[in-house]
Structure formats: structure tokens, C-alpha cells
């Protein structure tokens, strides 16, 4: 059994901050959603250990993205990490942005389980939007609203601008300005005040 390296300084603070954001309620919601989608129970009560080999995640992505989620069941770490990568690629194919997904190491070494749960929430929303899941977790994805203006409305809007909004200065320009010359503060005769 390998010993985990102790954390010090900034690493310890970052890990404490990540751990403080972890929610067992969100974990339970994600677990129930996955069980409903794949139609089977988790093999263990430990959420992270159940997902660690990537098999459940591959089954999930196989249900929500047809043609994705081919996996191998193995105790070898490389195969388990490959299963997790298959899930992540399938989530990207579903349309989940990369910034919403976790990294393989976050799950495999339990580095950032909060991000793993957030990713499952995001997959649920995109699967619901695609029509491959009946429910979703968290807020619903917004649909893009494209504004539509008629040509007359656009031309009417052009008439509402006045020149003061563009910085009109009443005809002032830079004539009489000289660049590169010394500034003349006292006039052309500096000793005029002493005469």
C-alpha cells in the first residue's frame, strides 16, 4: 500500500479549501441520478471507490451518448484511468465544455471530488438538453436567444444618436499644437518682467 505524501503550506491550504466545498448532499444526488440512468446500483457505499475504475462512468456515458462508453473491467490502474478518460471524451462529445470536466487524477486519486460531482451535474444537464436523460441536476441550461430586429427598427435606432455621444468638441482641433518643441511658459522674452 503506498503512503500518501503529507501536504504543507499552500498545497495544504488549497486542499483544505477544496475539501470544505465538498457536499455529501450533492454526492447523493449525483449517485441517485447515475443509478436511475444506468438502471443499476453502485457496488459500494463509497462514492469515489465505486467510480474509481471508470466502469460506472462508461456505462453512464454509453446511455447518454450512444456509441460511446466502451470499457474494460480490470484491476490495473492504467485500464481504470483509461475508462475514466473514455467517460471524459464521451462527455465532450455530448457538448460538455472542458472547463466543466474533471481531470482523471481528480477522481482516481481523490484529489478533487467536488469537481467530479460538478462534472456529473454538468453531464446531466447536457444529457437532458440532448434528450437522452429524463432528469437533470442543478440549474437548467439556458437556450441561446438570438435577437431579431427589422431593418426599420435598426434605422430608427440610428436616428436616436446625437453628436455629443461621439465626443463632438465644437470644431476644436489640434492646429497650433507643436510637438517636440520646448514649452513656452513665460513668453518669447523670458526677462520681460525685469525690464
N, C-alpha and C. Protein backbone atom coordinates (compact mmCIF):
# COMPACT_ATOMS: atom_id res chain seq x y z
N UNK A 1 0.85 -1.17 0.00
CA UNK A 1 0.00 0.00 0.00
C UNK A 1 0.89 1.23 0.00
N UNK A 2 0.65 2.16 -0.91
CA UNK A 2 1.52 3.31 -0.97
C UNK A 2 1.07 4.39 0.00
N UNK A 3 2.04 5.04 0.60
CA UNK A 3 1.82 6.07 1.60
C UNK A 3 1.55 7.40 0.90
N UNK A 4 0.56 8.15 1.35
CA UNK A 4 0.25 9.43 0.74
C UNK A 4 1.19 10.50 1.28
N UNK A 5 1.72 11.32 0.41
CA UNK A 5 2.66 12.36 0.80
C UNK A 5 1.91 13.44 1.59
N UNK A 6 2.45 13.83 2.75
CA UNK A 6 1.78 14.88 3.52
C UNK A 6 1.87 16.22 2.80
N UNK A 7 0.84 17.05 2.98
CA UNK A 7 0.80 18.36 2.34
C UNK A 7 1.24 19.44 3.32
N UNK A 8 1.94 20.43 2.82
CA UNK A 8 2.40 21.54 3.65
C UNK A 8 2.13 22.85 2.92
N UNK A 9 2.04 23.93 3.68
CA UNK A 9 1.97 25.28 3.13
C UNK A 9 0.77 25.51 2.24
N UNK A 10 1.04 26.05 1.06
CA UNK A 10 -0.01 26.42 0.12
C UNK A 10 -0.81 25.22 -0.36
N UNK A 11 -0.12 24.09 -0.60
CA UNK A 11 -0.82 22.87 -1.03
C UNK A 11 -1.85 22.43 0.02
N UNK A 12 -1.47 22.53 1.27
CA UNK A 12 -2.37 22.14 2.36
C UNK A 12 -3.59 23.07 2.41
N UNK A 13 -3.35 24.37 2.22
CA UNK A 13 -4.45 25.34 2.23
C UNK A 13 -5.40 25.11 1.06
N UNK A 14 -4.85 24.83 -0.11
CA UNK A 14 -5.67 24.58 -1.30
C UNK A 14 -6.51 23.33 -1.11
N UNK A 15 -5.89 22.26 -0.59
CA UNK A 15 -6.64 21.03 -0.36
C UNK A 15 -7.72 21.24 0.69
N UNK A 16 -7.45 22.03 1.72
CA UNK A 16 -8.47 22.32 2.74
C UNK A 16 -9.64 23.10 2.15
N UNK A 17 -9.33 24.03 1.25
CA UNK A 17 -10.39 24.81 0.60
C UNK A 17 -11.26 23.92 -0.29
N UNK A 18 -10.63 23.03 -1.05
CA UNK A 18 -11.37 22.10 -1.91
C UNK A 18 -12.24 21.18 -1.06
N UNK A 19 -11.67 20.67 0.02
CA UNK A 19 -12.42 19.76 0.89
C UNK A 19 -13.60 20.45 1.55
N UNK A 20 -13.46 21.73 1.87
CA UNK A 20 -14.56 22.45 2.52
C UNK A 20 -15.75 22.65 1.59
N UNK A 21 -15.52 22.62 0.29
CA UNK A 21 -16.62 22.80 -0.68
C UNK A 21 -17.38 21.50 -0.94
N UNK A 22 -16.86 20.38 -0.49
CA UNK A 22 -17.48 19.09 -0.77
C UNK A 22 -18.82 18.97 -0.06
N UNK A 23 -19.83 18.51 -0.79
CA UNK A 23 -21.17 18.38 -0.23
C UNK A 23 -21.65 16.94 -0.38
N UNK A 24 -21.99 16.30 0.74
CA UNK A 24 -22.49 14.92 0.68
C UNK A 24 -23.88 14.87 0.07
N UNK A 25 -24.64 15.98 0.19
CA UNK A 25 -25.98 16.02 -0.42
C UNK A 25 -25.86 15.97 -1.95
N UNK A 26 -24.93 16.76 -2.49
CA UNK A 26 -24.71 16.75 -3.95
C UNK A 26 -24.19 15.39 -4.40
N UNK A 27 -23.34 14.78 -3.59
CA UNK A 27 -22.84 13.44 -3.90
C UNK A 27 -24.00 12.46 -4.00
N UNK A 28 -24.93 12.53 -3.04
CA UNK A 28 -26.07 11.62 -3.01
C UNK A 28 -26.98 11.85 -4.23
N UNK A 29 -27.19 13.13 -4.59
CA UNK A 29 -27.99 13.45 -5.78
C UNK A 29 -27.36 12.86 -7.03
N UNK A 30 -26.04 13.05 -7.17
CA UNK A 30 -25.32 12.52 -8.34
C UNK A 30 -25.40 10.99 -8.39
N UNK A 31 -25.23 10.36 -7.23
CA UNK A 31 -25.29 8.90 -7.16
C UNK A 31 -26.67 8.39 -7.58
N UNK A 32 -27.73 9.01 -7.06
CA UNK A 32 -29.09 8.59 -7.42
C UNK A 32 -29.37 8.81 -8.90
N UNK A 33 -28.89 9.93 -9.45
CA UNK A 33 -29.12 10.21 -10.87
C UNK A 33 -28.42 9.16 -11.74
N UNK A 34 -27.18 8.84 -11.39
CA UNK A 34 -26.44 7.82 -12.16
C UNK A 34 -27.15 6.48 -12.08
N UNK A 35 -27.59 6.09 -10.88
CA UNK A 35 -28.29 4.80 -10.71
C UNK A 35 -29.57 4.76 -11.54
N UNK A 36 -30.30 5.88 -11.60
CA UNK A 36 -31.53 5.93 -12.40
C UNK A 36 -31.24 5.80 -13.89
N UNK A 37 -30.17 6.45 -14.34
CA UNK A 37 -29.85 6.42 -15.78
C UNK A 37 -29.36 5.05 -16.21
N UNK A 38 -28.42 4.46 -15.45
CA UNK A 38 -27.85 3.18 -15.88
C UNK A 38 -28.70 1.99 -15.45
N UNK A 39 -29.60 2.21 -14.52
CA UNK A 39 -30.51 1.13 -14.11
C UNK A 39 -29.89 0.09 -13.20
N UNK A 40 -28.83 0.44 -12.50
CA UNK A 40 -28.23 -0.49 -11.53
C UNK A 40 -27.64 0.29 -10.37
N UNK A 41 -27.49 -0.40 -9.24
CA UNK A 41 -26.99 0.21 -8.02
C UNK A 41 -25.46 0.26 -8.03
N UNK A 42 -24.91 1.18 -7.22
CA UNK A 42 -23.47 1.26 -7.05
C UNK A 42 -22.98 0.01 -6.31
N UNK A 43 -21.80 -0.49 -6.65
CA UNK A 43 -21.30 -1.71 -5.99
C UNK A 43 -20.92 -1.49 -4.52
N UNK A 44 -20.66 -0.25 -4.12
CA UNK A 44 -20.27 0.02 -2.73
C UNK A 44 -20.89 1.34 -2.28
N UNK A 45 -20.89 1.57 -0.97
CA UNK A 45 -21.42 2.83 -0.44
C UNK A 45 -20.46 3.99 -0.65
N UNK A 46 -19.20 3.70 -0.85
CA UNK A 46 -18.21 4.75 -1.07
C UNK A 46 -18.30 5.23 -2.52
N UNK A 47 -18.70 6.48 -2.68
CA UNK A 47 -18.93 7.07 -3.99
C UNK A 47 -17.66 7.04 -4.85
N UNK A 48 -16.55 7.52 -4.28
CA UNK A 48 -15.30 7.62 -5.05
C UNK A 48 -14.77 6.24 -5.44
N UNK A 49 -14.84 5.28 -4.52
CA UNK A 49 -14.34 3.94 -4.82
C UNK A 49 -15.19 3.26 -5.90
N UNK A 50 -16.50 3.55 -5.90
CA UNK A 50 -17.38 2.95 -6.91
C UNK A 50 -17.07 3.49 -8.30
N UNK A 51 -16.67 4.76 -8.37
CA UNK A 51 -16.40 5.38 -9.67
C UNK A 51 -14.94 5.23 -10.11
N UNK A 52 -14.06 4.86 -9.20
CA UNK A 52 -12.62 4.86 -9.45
C UNK A 52 -12.21 4.04 -10.65
N UNK A 53 -12.84 2.87 -10.87
CA UNK A 53 -12.43 2.04 -12.01
C UNK A 53 -13.00 2.52 -13.34
N UNK A 54 -13.92 3.49 -13.31
CA UNK A 54 -14.45 4.09 -14.53
C UNK A 54 -15.55 3.31 -15.21
N UNK A 55 -15.87 2.12 -14.71
CA UNK A 55 -16.87 1.27 -15.37
C UNK A 55 -18.26 1.92 -15.29
N UNK A 56 -18.64 2.39 -14.12
CA UNK A 56 -19.96 3.03 -13.97
C UNK A 56 -20.05 4.28 -14.83
N UNK A 57 -18.96 5.05 -14.87
CA UNK A 57 -18.96 6.27 -15.69
C UNK A 57 -19.09 5.91 -17.18
N UNK A 58 -18.43 4.85 -17.61
CA UNK A 58 -18.54 4.42 -19.01
C UNK A 58 -19.95 3.94 -19.33
N UNK A 59 -20.57 3.23 -18.38
CA UNK A 59 -21.96 2.80 -18.59
C UNK A 59 -22.87 4.03 -18.70
N UNK A 60 -22.61 5.02 -17.85
CA UNK A 60 -23.40 6.26 -17.88
C UNK A 60 -23.27 6.96 -19.23
N UNK A 61 -22.04 7.14 -19.69
CA UNK A 61 -21.84 7.86 -20.95
C UNK A 61 -22.36 7.04 -22.12
N UNK A 62 -22.33 5.71 -22.00
CA UNK A 62 -22.90 4.85 -23.04
C UNK A 62 -24.41 5.02 -23.16
N UNK A 63 -25.08 5.32 -22.04
CA UNK A 63 -26.54 5.54 -22.06
C UNK A 63 -26.90 6.91 -22.62
N UNK A 64 -26.11 7.94 -22.27
CA UNK A 64 -26.49 9.30 -22.68
C UNK A 64 -25.88 9.71 -24.02
N UNK A 65 -24.82 9.04 -24.45
CA UNK A 65 -24.22 9.30 -25.77
C UNK A 65 -24.09 7.96 -26.48
N UNK A 66 -25.07 7.60 -27.29
CA UNK A 66 -25.00 6.31 -27.99
C UNK A 66 -23.71 6.18 -28.81
N UNK A 67 -23.09 5.01 -28.72
CA UNK A 67 -21.85 4.77 -29.46
C UNK A 67 -20.60 5.07 -28.65
N UNK A 68 -20.75 5.68 -27.49
CA UNK A 68 -19.60 5.98 -26.62
C UNK A 68 -19.64 5.03 -25.42
N UNK A 69 -18.58 4.99 -24.66
CA UNK A 69 -18.59 4.26 -23.40
C UNK A 69 -18.14 2.82 -23.46
N UNK A 70 -17.33 2.46 -24.43
CA UNK A 70 -16.76 1.10 -24.44
C UNK A 70 -15.70 1.03 -23.34
N UNK A 71 -15.79 0.02 -22.49
CA UNK A 71 -14.88 -0.06 -21.35
C UNK A 71 -14.36 -1.48 -21.16
N UNK A 72 -13.30 -1.55 -20.34
CA UNK A 72 -12.72 -2.85 -19.95
C UNK A 72 -12.76 -2.90 -18.43
N UNK A 73 -13.15 -4.03 -17.90
CA UNK A 73 -13.16 -4.20 -16.45
C UNK A 73 -11.83 -4.82 -16.04
N UNK A 74 -11.08 -4.09 -15.19
CA UNK A 74 -9.76 -4.56 -14.80
C UNK A 74 -9.36 -3.93 -13.47
N UNK A 75 -8.43 -4.57 -12.79
CA UNK A 75 -7.87 -4.03 -11.55
C UNK A 75 -6.61 -3.22 -11.82
N UNK A 76 -6.14 -3.22 -13.07
CA UNK A 76 -4.93 -2.50 -13.42
C UNK A 76 -5.20 -1.00 -13.47
N UNK A 77 -4.36 -0.20 -12.79
CA UNK A 77 -4.59 1.25 -12.75
C UNK A 77 -4.65 1.90 -14.12
N UNK A 78 -3.80 1.46 -15.05
CA UNK A 78 -3.80 2.07 -16.39
C UNK A 78 -5.14 1.88 -17.07
N UNK A 79 -5.72 0.71 -16.98
CA UNK A 79 -7.01 0.42 -17.61
C UNK A 79 -8.12 1.23 -16.95
N UNK A 80 -8.07 1.33 -15.62
CA UNK A 80 -9.08 2.10 -14.89
C UNK A 80 -9.02 3.58 -15.29
N UNK A 81 -7.81 4.12 -15.39
CA UNK A 81 -7.66 5.52 -15.80
C UNK A 81 -8.10 5.71 -17.25
N UNK A 82 -7.88 4.72 -18.08
CA UNK A 82 -8.34 4.79 -19.47
C UNK A 82 -9.86 4.82 -19.53
N UNK A 83 -10.53 4.05 -18.67
CA UNK A 83 -12.00 4.09 -18.60
C UNK A 83 -12.50 5.48 -18.22
N UNK A 84 -11.82 6.11 -17.28
CA UNK A 84 -12.21 7.47 -16.88
C UNK A 84 -12.02 8.42 -18.06
N UNK A 85 -10.93 8.26 -18.80
CA UNK A 85 -10.68 9.10 -19.99
C UNK A 85 -11.75 8.90 -21.05
N UNK A 86 -12.23 7.67 -21.19
CA UNK A 86 -13.31 7.39 -22.15
C UNK A 86 -14.56 8.16 -21.76
N UNK A 87 -14.87 8.18 -20.46
CA UNK A 87 -16.00 8.96 -19.97
C UNK A 87 -15.84 10.44 -20.31
N UNK A 88 -14.64 10.98 -20.07
CA UNK A 88 -14.40 12.41 -20.32
C UNK A 88 -14.53 12.74 -21.81
N UNK A 89 -14.02 11.87 -22.67
CA UNK A 89 -14.15 12.10 -24.12
C UNK A 89 -15.62 12.04 -24.54
N UNK A 90 -16.37 11.10 -23.95
CA UNK A 90 -17.80 11.00 -24.26
C UNK A 90 -18.56 12.22 -23.79
N UNK A 91 -18.17 12.76 -22.64
CA UNK A 91 -18.82 13.98 -22.13
C UNK A 91 -18.55 15.15 -23.06
N UNK A 92 -17.34 15.25 -23.59
CA UNK A 92 -17.02 16.31 -24.56
C UNK A 92 -17.85 16.12 -25.83
N UNK A 93 -18.03 14.87 -26.26
CA UNK A 93 -18.85 14.59 -27.46
C UNK A 93 -20.31 14.99 -27.21
N UNK A 94 -20.75 14.91 -25.96
CA UNK A 94 -22.10 15.32 -25.60
C UNK A 94 -22.26 16.83 -25.66
N UNK A 95 -21.14 17.55 -25.56
CA UNK A 95 -21.19 19.01 -25.62
C UNK A 95 -20.78 19.69 -24.33
N UNK A 96 -20.39 18.90 -23.33
CA UNK A 96 -19.95 19.49 -22.06
C UNK A 96 -18.62 20.21 -22.29
N UNK A 97 -18.53 21.49 -21.91
CA UNK A 97 -17.26 22.21 -22.10
C UNK A 97 -16.14 21.63 -21.24
N UNK A 98 -14.91 21.77 -21.71
CA UNK A 98 -13.76 21.20 -20.98
C UNK A 98 -13.64 21.77 -19.58
N UNK A 99 -13.99 23.05 -19.40
CA UNK A 99 -13.84 23.67 -18.09
C UNK A 99 -14.84 23.11 -17.07
N UNK A 100 -15.86 22.41 -17.52
CA UNK A 100 -16.82 21.78 -16.60
C UNK A 100 -16.41 20.36 -16.22
N UNK A 101 -15.38 19.83 -16.85
CA UNK A 101 -14.98 18.44 -16.60
C UNK A 101 -13.82 18.36 -15.62
N UNK A 102 -13.71 17.22 -14.95
CA UNK A 102 -12.60 16.98 -14.03
C UNK A 102 -11.44 16.35 -14.79
N UNK A 103 -10.31 16.28 -14.14
CA UNK A 103 -9.17 15.57 -14.71
C UNK A 103 -9.16 14.15 -14.14
N UNK A 104 -8.60 13.24 -14.88
CA UNK A 104 -8.59 11.83 -14.48
C UNK A 104 -8.04 11.66 -13.07
N UNK A 105 -7.00 12.38 -12.75
CA UNK A 105 -6.34 12.26 -11.45
C UNK A 105 -7.25 12.73 -10.31
N UNK A 106 -8.16 13.69 -10.60
CA UNK A 106 -9.08 14.19 -9.57
C UNK A 106 -9.93 13.06 -8.99
N UNK A 107 -10.35 12.14 -9.85
CA UNK A 107 -11.15 11.01 -9.39
C UNK A 107 -10.27 9.86 -8.93
N UNK A 108 -9.29 9.50 -9.73
CA UNK A 108 -8.52 8.30 -9.44
C UNK A 108 -7.78 8.40 -8.11
N UNK A 109 -7.23 9.57 -7.81
CA UNK A 109 -6.51 9.74 -6.54
C UNK A 109 -7.32 10.55 -5.53
N UNK A 110 -8.58 10.78 -5.83
CA UNK A 110 -9.49 11.54 -4.94
C UNK A 110 -8.93 12.91 -4.59
N UNK A 111 -8.34 13.58 -5.58
CA UNK A 111 -7.74 14.90 -5.35
C UNK A 111 -8.79 16.00 -5.27
N UNK A 112 -9.82 15.90 -6.12
CA UNK A 112 -10.84 16.96 -6.17
C UNK A 112 -12.20 16.35 -6.48
N UNK A 113 -12.79 15.72 -5.50
CA UNK A 113 -14.08 15.06 -5.70
C UNK A 113 -15.21 16.07 -5.93
N UNK A 114 -15.03 17.29 -5.47
CA UNK A 114 -16.03 18.34 -5.73
C UNK A 114 -16.16 18.57 -7.23
N UNK A 115 -15.03 18.63 -7.93
CA UNK A 115 -15.05 18.82 -9.38
C UNK A 115 -15.65 17.62 -10.09
N UNK A 116 -15.42 16.42 -9.56
CA UNK A 116 -16.01 15.21 -10.15
C UNK A 116 -17.54 15.30 -10.09
N UNK A 117 -18.07 15.68 -8.93
CA UNK A 117 -19.52 15.80 -8.77
C UNK A 117 -20.07 16.92 -9.64
N UNK A 118 -19.36 18.05 -9.72
CA UNK A 118 -19.78 19.15 -10.59
C UNK A 118 -19.84 18.69 -12.04
N UNK A 119 -18.89 17.86 -12.45
CA UNK A 119 -18.86 17.34 -13.82
C UNK A 119 -20.07 16.45 -14.09
N UNK A 120 -20.43 15.63 -13.11
CA UNK A 120 -21.60 14.75 -13.28
C UNK A 120 -22.87 15.60 -13.39
N UNK A 121 -22.94 16.66 -12.60
CA UNK A 121 -24.08 17.59 -12.70
C UNK A 121 -24.14 18.19 -14.10
N UNK A 122 -23.00 18.59 -14.63
CA UNK A 122 -22.94 19.19 -15.96
C UNK A 122 -23.33 18.18 -17.04
N UNK A 123 -22.84 16.94 -16.91
CA UNK A 123 -23.21 15.89 -17.87
C UNK A 123 -24.72 15.67 -17.84
N UNK A 124 -25.31 15.71 -16.65
CA UNK A 124 -26.77 15.50 -16.55
C UNK A 124 -27.53 16.60 -17.29
N UNK A 125 -27.07 17.85 -17.17
CA UNK A 125 -27.75 18.96 -17.85
C UNK A 125 -27.65 18.84 -19.37
N UNK A 126 -26.45 18.50 -19.86
CA UNK A 126 -26.26 18.37 -21.30
C UNK A 126 -26.99 17.14 -21.85
N UNK A 127 -27.06 16.08 -21.06
CA UNK A 127 -27.79 14.88 -21.49
C UNK A 127 -29.29 15.19 -21.55
N UNK A 128 -29.78 15.97 -20.60
CA UNK A 128 -31.20 16.37 -20.61
C UNK A 128 -31.49 17.24 -21.83
N UNK A 129 -30.59 18.17 -22.11
CA UNK A 129 -30.76 19.05 -23.28
C UNK A 129 -30.75 18.25 -24.57
N UNK A 130 -29.91 17.20 -24.63
CA UNK A 130 -29.83 16.36 -25.82
C UNK A 130 -31.01 15.40 -25.92
N UNK A 131 -31.76 15.24 -24.82
CA UNK A 131 -32.93 14.37 -24.83
C UNK A 131 -32.61 12.92 -24.48
N UNK A 132 -31.41 12.66 -23.98
CA UNK A 132 -31.04 11.29 -23.65
C UNK A 132 -31.21 10.97 -22.17
N UNK A 133 -31.57 11.97 -21.36
CA UNK A 133 -31.83 11.75 -19.93
C UNK A 133 -33.18 12.38 -19.59
N UNK A 134 -33.90 11.75 -18.66
CA UNK A 134 -35.23 12.23 -18.28
C UNK A 134 -35.16 13.40 -17.29
N UNK A 135 -34.12 13.44 -16.47
CA UNK A 135 -33.97 14.48 -15.45
C UNK A 135 -32.59 15.09 -15.53
N UNK A 136 -32.39 16.17 -14.81
CA UNK A 136 -31.08 16.81 -14.74
C UNK A 136 -30.82 17.28 -13.32
N UNK A 137 -29.57 17.54 -13.03
CA UNK A 137 -29.15 18.00 -11.71
C UNK A 137 -28.72 19.46 -11.80
N UNK A 138 -29.04 20.24 -10.78
CA UNK A 138 -28.64 21.64 -10.76
C UNK A 138 -29.51 22.50 -11.66
N UNK A 139 -29.03 23.69 -11.97
CA UNK A 139 -29.82 24.59 -12.81
C UNK A 139 -29.91 24.11 -14.26
N UNK A 140 -31.03 24.42 -14.89
CA UNK A 140 -31.24 24.02 -16.28
C UNK A 140 -30.36 24.87 -17.20
N UNK A 141 -29.88 24.27 -18.27
CA UNK A 141 -29.08 25.02 -19.24
C UNK A 141 -29.97 26.02 -19.95
N UNK A 142 -29.46 27.21 -20.14
CA UNK A 142 -30.20 28.25 -20.85
C UNK A 142 -30.08 28.03 -22.36
N UNK A 143 -31.14 28.34 -23.06
CA UNK A 143 -31.10 28.30 -24.52
C UNK A 143 -30.64 29.65 -25.03
N UNK A 144 -29.85 29.65 -26.08
CA UNK A 144 -29.35 30.89 -26.64
C UNK A 144 -30.49 31.64 -27.30
N UNK A 145 -30.64 32.90 -26.94
CA UNK A 145 -31.68 33.75 -27.52
C UNK A 145 -31.02 34.70 -28.52
N UNK A 146 -31.42 34.61 -29.76
CA UNK A 146 -30.88 35.46 -30.80
C UNK A 146 -31.84 36.63 -31.02
N UNK A 147 -31.42 37.87 -30.78
CA UNK A 147 -32.33 38.99 -31.01
C UNK A 147 -32.61 39.17 -32.50
N UNK A 148 -33.84 39.52 -32.83
CA UNK A 148 -34.24 39.73 -34.22
C UNK A 148 -34.79 41.15 -34.34
N UNK A 149 -34.17 41.93 -35.21
CA UNK A 149 -34.61 43.29 -35.44
C UNK A 149 -34.99 43.46 -36.91
N UNK A 150 -36.04 44.22 -37.15
CA UNK A 150 -36.37 44.53 -38.54
C UNK A 150 -35.45 45.65 -39.02
N UNK A 151 -35.36 45.83 -40.33
CA UNK A 151 -34.49 46.86 -40.89
C UNK A 151 -34.97 48.25 -40.47
N UNK A 152 -36.29 48.41 -40.39
CA UNK A 152 -36.86 49.71 -39.99
C UNK A 152 -36.49 50.03 -38.55
N UNK A 153 -36.54 49.03 -37.67
CA UNK A 153 -36.20 49.26 -36.26
C UNK A 153 -34.72 49.63 -36.11
N UNK A 154 -33.86 49.00 -36.91
CA UNK A 154 -32.44 49.31 -36.86
C UNK A 154 -32.18 50.72 -37.35
N UNK A 155 -32.88 51.15 -38.41
CA UNK A 155 -32.69 52.50 -38.93
C UNK A 155 -33.26 53.54 -37.96
N UNK A 156 -34.34 53.20 -37.27
CA UNK A 156 -34.90 54.12 -36.28
C UNK A 156 -33.93 54.30 -35.12
N UNK A 157 -33.22 53.26 -34.78
CA UNK A 157 -32.24 53.35 -33.69
C UNK A 157 -31.07 54.23 -34.10
N UNK A 158 -30.69 54.23 -35.38
CA UNK A 158 -29.59 55.08 -35.85
C UNK A 158 -29.93 56.55 -35.68
N UNK A 159 -31.17 56.92 -35.82
CA UNK A 159 -31.58 58.31 -35.72
C UNK A 159 -31.55 58.81 -34.27
N UNK A 160 -31.48 57.95 -33.32
CA UNK A 160 -31.52 58.39 -31.92
C UNK A 160 -30.17 58.87 -31.40
N UNK A 161 -29.07 58.66 -32.14
CA UNK A 161 -27.76 59.10 -31.66
C UNK A 161 -27.56 60.57 -32.00
N UNK A 162 -26.95 61.31 -31.07
CA UNK A 162 -26.57 62.69 -31.39
C UNK A 162 -25.05 62.80 -31.35
N UNK A 163 -24.55 63.92 -31.83
CA UNK A 163 -23.10 64.06 -31.97
C UNK A 163 -22.41 64.19 -30.63
N UNK A 164 -23.09 64.62 -29.57
CA UNK A 164 -22.45 64.74 -28.26
C UNK A 164 -22.06 63.37 -27.71
N UNK A 165 -22.76 62.31 -28.13
CA UNK A 165 -22.40 60.98 -27.66
C UNK A 165 -21.09 60.50 -28.29
N UNK A 166 -20.71 61.10 -29.38
CA UNK A 166 -19.47 60.70 -30.03
C UNK A 166 -18.29 61.57 -29.59
N UNK A 167 -18.50 62.51 -28.69
CA UNK A 167 -17.41 63.35 -28.21
C UNK A 167 -17.19 64.57 -29.09
N UNK A 168 -18.22 65.14 -29.66
CA UNK A 168 -18.10 66.32 -30.51
C UNK A 168 -17.59 67.48 -29.68
N UNK A 169 -16.58 68.21 -30.16
CA UNK A 169 -15.97 69.29 -29.38
C UNK A 169 -16.17 70.65 -30.02
N UNK A 170 -17.16 70.79 -30.82
CA UNK A 170 -17.47 72.11 -31.39
C UNK A 170 -16.44 72.60 -32.38
N UNK A 171 -15.80 71.74 -33.11
CA UNK A 171 -14.87 72.15 -34.15
C UNK A 171 -13.45 72.33 -33.67
N UNK A 172 -13.16 72.07 -32.43
CA UNK A 172 -11.79 72.22 -31.93
C UNK A 172 -10.90 71.18 -32.61
N UNK A 173 -9.68 71.60 -32.90
CA UNK A 173 -8.73 70.66 -33.49
C UNK A 173 -7.35 70.92 -32.91
N UNK A 174 -6.35 70.28 -33.46
CA UNK A 174 -5.01 70.41 -32.90
C UNK A 174 -4.15 71.41 -33.66
N UNK A 175 -4.74 72.30 -34.39
CA UNK A 175 -3.92 73.29 -35.10
C UNK A 175 -3.29 74.20 -34.06
N UNK A 176 -2.08 74.58 -34.30
CA UNK A 176 -1.36 75.41 -33.35
C UNK A 176 -0.60 74.60 -32.31
N UNK A 177 -0.78 73.32 -32.32
CA UNK A 177 -0.05 72.46 -31.39
C UNK A 177 1.31 72.16 -32.00
N UNK A 178 2.32 72.13 -31.16
CA UNK A 178 3.65 71.77 -31.67
C UNK A 178 4.20 70.66 -30.79
N UNK A 179 4.71 69.66 -31.43
CA UNK A 179 5.26 68.51 -30.71
C UNK A 179 6.78 68.52 -30.87
N UNK A 180 7.47 68.22 -29.79
CA UNK A 180 8.92 68.14 -29.84
C UNK A 180 9.60 69.46 -29.52
N UNK A 181 8.87 70.52 -29.34
CA UNK A 181 9.45 71.82 -29.04
C UNK A 181 9.29 72.07 -27.55
N UNK A 182 10.18 72.88 -26.94
CA UNK A 182 10.05 73.19 -25.53
C UNK A 182 8.80 74.01 -25.29
N UNK A 183 8.24 73.81 -24.14
CA UNK A 183 7.01 74.52 -23.78
C UNK A 183 7.38 75.96 -23.41
N UNK A 184 6.66 76.90 -23.98
CA UNK A 184 6.93 78.32 -23.78
C UNK A 184 6.01 78.84 -22.67
N UNK A 185 6.54 78.89 -21.44
CA UNK A 185 5.72 79.27 -20.30
C UNK A 185 5.69 80.78 -20.10
N UNK A 186 6.83 81.46 -20.28
CA UNK A 186 6.92 82.88 -19.94
C UNK A 186 6.80 83.81 -21.13
N UNK A 187 6.64 83.27 -22.29
CA UNK A 187 6.55 84.11 -23.47
C UNK A 187 7.84 84.09 -24.25
N UNK A 188 7.91 84.92 -25.30
CA UNK A 188 9.10 84.87 -26.15
C UNK A 188 10.29 85.58 -25.50
N UNK A 189 10.05 86.52 -24.57
CA UNK A 189 11.14 87.19 -23.87
C UNK A 189 11.07 86.82 -22.38
N UNK A 190 11.95 85.92 -21.91
CA UNK A 190 11.86 85.47 -20.53
C UNK A 190 12.20 86.55 -19.51
N UNK A 191 12.90 87.63 -19.95
CA UNK A 191 13.31 88.66 -19.00
C UNK A 191 12.41 89.89 -19.07
N UNK A 192 11.26 89.77 -19.73
CA UNK A 192 10.37 90.93 -19.88
C UNK A 192 9.88 91.45 -18.54
N UNK A 193 9.76 90.64 -17.56
CA UNK A 193 9.24 91.08 -16.28
C UNK A 193 10.26 91.93 -15.49
N UNK A 194 11.55 91.85 -15.85
CA UNK A 194 12.57 92.61 -15.16
C UNK A 194 12.88 93.93 -15.83
N UNK A 195 12.28 94.24 -16.92
CA UNK A 195 12.59 95.46 -17.65
C UNK A 195 11.75 96.60 -17.18
